[in-house]
C-alpha atoms as a PDB file:
ATOM      1  CA  UNK A   1       6.907  -5.413  14.153  1.00  0.00           C
ATOM      2  CA  UNK A   2       8.616  -2.624  16.836  1.00  0.00           C
ATOM      3  CA  UNK A   3      12.236  -1.101  17.001  1.00  0.00           C
ATOM      4  CA  UNK A   4      14.079  -3.194  17.683  1.00  0.00           C
ATOM      5  CA  UNK A   5      12.481  -6.617  17.248  1.00  0.00           C
ATOM      6  CA  UNK A   6      14.101  -9.262  16.006  1.00  0.00           C
ATOM      7  CA  UNK A   7      13.303 -10.486  12.367  1.00  0.00           C
ATOM      8  CA  UNK A   8      14.116 -13.252   9.978  1.00  0.00           C
ATOM      9  CA  UNK A   9      14.041 -12.244   6.590  1.00  0.00           C
ATOM     10  CA  UNK A  10      14.364 -14.757   3.709  1.00  0.00           C
ATOM     11  CA  UNK A  11      14.551 -13.524  -0.204  1.00  0.00           C
ATOM     12  CA  UNK A  12      14.050 -15.504  -3.859  1.00  0.00           C
ATOM     13  CA  UNK A  13      14.905 -19.311  -3.628  1.00  0.00           C
ATOM     14  CA  UNK A  14      12.843 -22.173  -2.173  1.00  0.00           C
ATOM     15  CA  UNK A  15      10.452 -21.463   0.718  1.00  0.00           C
ATOM     16  CA  UNK A  16       7.497 -22.480   2.577  1.00  0.00           C
ATOM     17  CA  UNK A  17       5.350 -22.318   5.480  1.00  0.00           C
ATOM     18  CA  UNK A  18       4.361 -25.048   6.651  1.00  0.00           C
ATOM     19  CA  UNK A  19       3.633 -24.632  10.924  1.00  0.00           C
ATOM     20  CA  UNK A  20       2.958 -27.644  12.961  1.00  0.00           C
ATOM     21  CA  UNK A  21       0.130 -28.385  15.441  1.00  0.00           C
ATOM     22  CA  UNK A  22       2.974 -27.973  18.561  1.00  0.00           C
ATOM     23  CA  UNK A  23       4.780 -25.098  16.834  1.00  0.00           C
ATOM     24  CA  UNK A  24       5.001 -21.584  18.659  1.00  0.00           C
ATOM     25  CA  UNK A  25       2.281 -18.849  16.791  1.00  0.00           C
ATOM     26  CA  UNK A  26       4.529 -16.321  15.087  1.00  0.00           C
ATOM     27  CA  UNK A  27       3.441 -12.963  13.177  1.00  0.00           C
ATOM     28  CA  UNK A  28       4.499 -12.926   9.482  1.00  0.00           C
ATOM     29  CA  UNK A  29       5.640 -10.167   7.150  1.00  0.00           C
ATOM     30  CA  UNK A  30       5.549 -11.032   3.636  1.00  0.00           C
ATOM     31  CA  UNK A  31       6.713  -8.801   0.752  1.00  0.00           C
ATOM     32  CA  UNK A  32       5.761  -8.744  -2.732  1.00  0.00           C
ATOM     33  CA  UNK A  33       6.349  -6.817  -5.733  1.00  0.00           C
ATOM     34  CA  UNK A  34       4.499  -7.427  -9.140  1.00  0.00           C
ATOM     35  CA  UNK A  35       4.532 -11.442 -10.397  1.00  0.00           C
ATOM     36  CA  UNK A  36       6.466 -12.294  -6.782  1.00  0.00           C
ATOM     37  CA  UNK A  37       3.165 -11.978  -5.170  1.00  0.00           C
ATOM     38  CA  UNK A  38       2.720 -15.894  -6.147  1.00  0.00           C
ATOM     39  CA  UNK A  39       4.088 -18.072  -4.037  1.00  0.00           C
ATOM     40  CA  UNK A  40       2.956 -15.351  -1.453  1.00  0.00           C
ATOM     41  CA  UNK A  41      -0.709 -15.770  -2.299  1.00  0.00           C
ATOM     42  CA  UNK A  42       0.133 -19.266  -1.593  1.00  0.00           C
ATOM     43  CA  UNK A  43       0.964 -18.872   1.629  1.00  0.00           C
ATOM     44  CA  UNK A  44      -1.829 -16.260   2.337  1.00  0.00           C
ATOM     45  CA  UNK A  45      -4.011 -18.865   1.458  1.00  0.00           C
ATOM     46  CA  UNK A  46      -2.498 -21.646   3.340  1.00  0.00           C
ATOM     47  CA  UNK A  47      -2.476 -18.912   6.418  1.00  0.00           C
ATOM     48  CA  UNK A  48      -6.513 -18.465   5.703  1.00  0.00           C
ATOM     49  CA  UNK A  49      -6.905 -22.558   5.565  1.00  0.00           C
ATOM     50  CA  UNK A  50      -5.274 -22.386   9.240  1.00  0.00           C
ATOM     51  CA  UNK A  51      -7.200 -19.330  10.757  1.00  0.00           C
ATOM     52  CA  UNK A  52     -10.524 -20.737   9.660  1.00  0.00           C
ATOM     53  CA  UNK A  53      -9.362 -24.216  10.617  1.00  0.00           C
ATOM     54  CA  UNK A  54      -8.924 -22.569  14.525  1.00  0.00           C
ATOM     55  CA  UNK A  55     -12.147 -21.372  14.068  1.00  0.00           C
ATOM     56  CA  UNK A  56     -14.297 -24.509  13.389  1.00  0.00           C
ATOM     57  CA  UNK A  57     -12.499 -26.576  15.447  1.00  0.00           C
ATOM     58  CA  UNK A  58     -10.368 -24.791  18.434  1.00  0.00           C
ATOM     59  CA  UNK A  59      -7.091 -26.416  17.913  1.00  0.00           C
ATOM     60  CA  UNK A  60      -4.670 -26.814  15.152  1.00  0.00           C
ATOM     61  CA  UNK A  61      -2.049 -24.730  15.012  1.00  0.00           C
ATOM     62  CA  UNK A  62      -2.757 -20.739  16.654  1.00  0.00           C
ATOM     63  CA  UNK A  63      -1.660 -18.926  13.534  1.00  0.00           C
ATOM     64  CA  UNK A  64      -0.541 -15.263  14.634  1.00  0.00           C
ATOM     65  CA  UNK A  65      -1.160 -12.226  12.263  1.00  0.00           C
ATOM     66  CA  UNK A  66      -0.393 -11.853   9.049  1.00  0.00           C
ATOM     67  CA  UNK A  67       0.822  -8.121   6.719  1.00  0.00           C
ATOM     68  CA  UNK A  68       1.030  -8.102   3.400  1.00  0.00           C
ATOM     69  CA  UNK A  69       2.799  -6.196   1.570  1.00  0.00           C
ATOM     70  CA  UNK A  70       2.519  -5.931  -1.629  1.00  0.00           C
ATOM     71  CA  UNK A  71       3.995  -3.267  -4.228  1.00  0.00           C
ATOM     72  CA  UNK A  72       2.593  -3.459  -8.794  1.00  0.00           C
ATOM     73  CA  UNK A  73       3.038  -0.767 -11.165  1.00  0.00           C
ATOM     74  CA  UNK A  74      -0.479   0.156 -10.706  1.00  0.00           C
ATOM     75  CA  UNK A  75      -4.109  -1.503  -9.177  1.00  0.00           C
ATOM     76  CA  UNK A  76      -4.694  -3.249 -12.850  1.00  0.00           C
ATOM     77  CA  UNK A  77      -1.418  -5.078 -11.821  1.00  0.00           C
ATOM     78  CA  UNK A  78      -1.935  -6.447  -8.222  1.00  0.00           C
ATOM     79  CA  UNK A  79      -2.344  -9.819  -8.814  1.00  0.00           C
ATOM     80  CA  UNK A  80      -4.923 -11.503  -6.448  1.00  0.00           C
ATOM     81  CA  UNK A  81      -6.017  -7.819  -5.277  1.00  0.00           C
ATOM     82  CA  UNK A  82      -9.598  -9.023  -5.053  1.00  0.00           C
ATOM     83  CA  UNK A  83      -9.340 -11.910  -3.399  1.00  0.00           C
ATOM     84  CA  UNK A  84      -6.779 -10.505  -1.183  1.00  0.00           C
ATOM     85  CA  UNK A  85      -9.742  -8.652   0.001  1.00  0.00           C
ATOM     86  CA  UNK A  86     -11.674 -11.290   0.842  1.00  0.00           C
ATOM     87  CA  UNK A  87      -9.445 -12.633   2.962  1.00  0.00           C
ATOM     88  CA  UNK A  88      -9.012  -9.854   4.639  1.00  0.00           C
ATOM     89  CA  UNK A  89     -12.627  -9.761   5.133  1.00  0.00           C
ATOM     90  CA  UNK A  90     -12.814 -12.906   6.648  1.00  0.00           C
ATOM     91  CA  UNK A  91     -10.564 -12.305   8.911  1.00  0.00           C
ATOM     92  CA  UNK A  92     -10.582  -8.814  10.446  1.00  0.00           C
ATOM     93  CA  UNK A  93      -7.163  -8.097  12.018  1.00  0.00           C
ATOM     94  CA  UNK A  94      -5.685 -11.794  11.346  1.00  0.00           C
ATOM     95  CA  UNK A  95      -4.753 -10.477   7.847  1.00  0.00           C
ATOM     96  CA  UNK A  96      -4.108  -7.521   6.083  1.00  0.00           C
ATOM     97  CA  UNK A  97      -2.504  -5.804   2.844  1.00  0.00           C
ATOM     98  CA  UNK A  98      -0.835  -2.791   3.047  1.00  0.00           C
ATOM     99  CA  UNK A  99      -1.319  -2.060  -1.654  1.00  0.00           C
ATOM    100  CA  UNK A 100       1.900   0.218  -3.225  1.00  0.00           C
ATOM    101  CA  UNK A 101       1.941   1.732  -6.748  1.00  0.00           C
ATOM    102  CA  UNK A 102       4.318   3.671  -8.111  1.00  0.00           C
ATOM    103  CA  UNK A 103       2.899   4.456 -11.554  1.00  0.00           C
ATOM    104  CA  UNK A 104      -0.855   5.018 -10.763  1.00  0.00           C
ATOM    105  CA  UNK A 105      -2.659   7.296 -13.206  1.00  0.00           C
ATOM    106  CA  UNK A 106      -6.067   6.313 -13.250  1.00  0.00           C
ATOM    107  CA  UNK A 107      -8.228   6.605 -10.442  1.00  0.00           C
ATOM    108  CA  UNK A 108      -8.069   3.838  -7.978  1.00  0.00           C
ATOM    109  CA  UNK A 109     -11.323   2.696  -6.900  1.00  0.00           C
ATOM    110  CA  UNK A 110     -13.363   2.653  -4.150  1.00  0.00           C
ATOM    111  CA  UNK A 111     -13.000  -0.614  -2.445  1.00  0.00           C
ATOM    112  CA  UNK A 112      -9.400  -0.573  -2.611  1.00  0.00           C
ATOM    113  CA  UNK A 113      -8.106   3.231  -2.146  1.00  0.00           C
ATOM    114  CA  UNK A 114      -7.756   2.124   1.620  1.00  0.00           C
ATOM    115  CA  UNK A 115      -5.489   0.498   1.706  1.00  0.00           C
ATOM    116  CA  UNK A 116      -3.886   1.527  -1.702  1.00  0.00           C
ATOM    117  CA  UNK A 117      -0.352   4.173  -0.874  1.00  0.00           C
ATOM    118  CA  UNK A 118       1.616   5.755  -3.728  1.00  0.00           C
ATOM    119  CA  UNK A 119       0.948   7.559  -6.860  1.00  0.00           C
END
């Protein structure tokens, strides 16, 4: 998003992302904290499937980019972090993530360092 961009925001409740082949591409920003990653990780996997299908078949829904912002107390509480890193590597520039930790006391592993902000 840029300054003055229009965004839609949804907090909690039942939500899903199920675009149809004729729908316009959208850019998604997913924001999660702690175990709140569960439904968003499911959406992220669906987005990866859409990107994979588009790359292999050349048709279907054309997915825009997705940015995930995910916060937890420390890196050990970042659920699915290895899977998320794998998705970023599989779809560079299409799926990105920034992890934020609020109470990290130990050294952050080298693999996560470029993607982590916080203490």
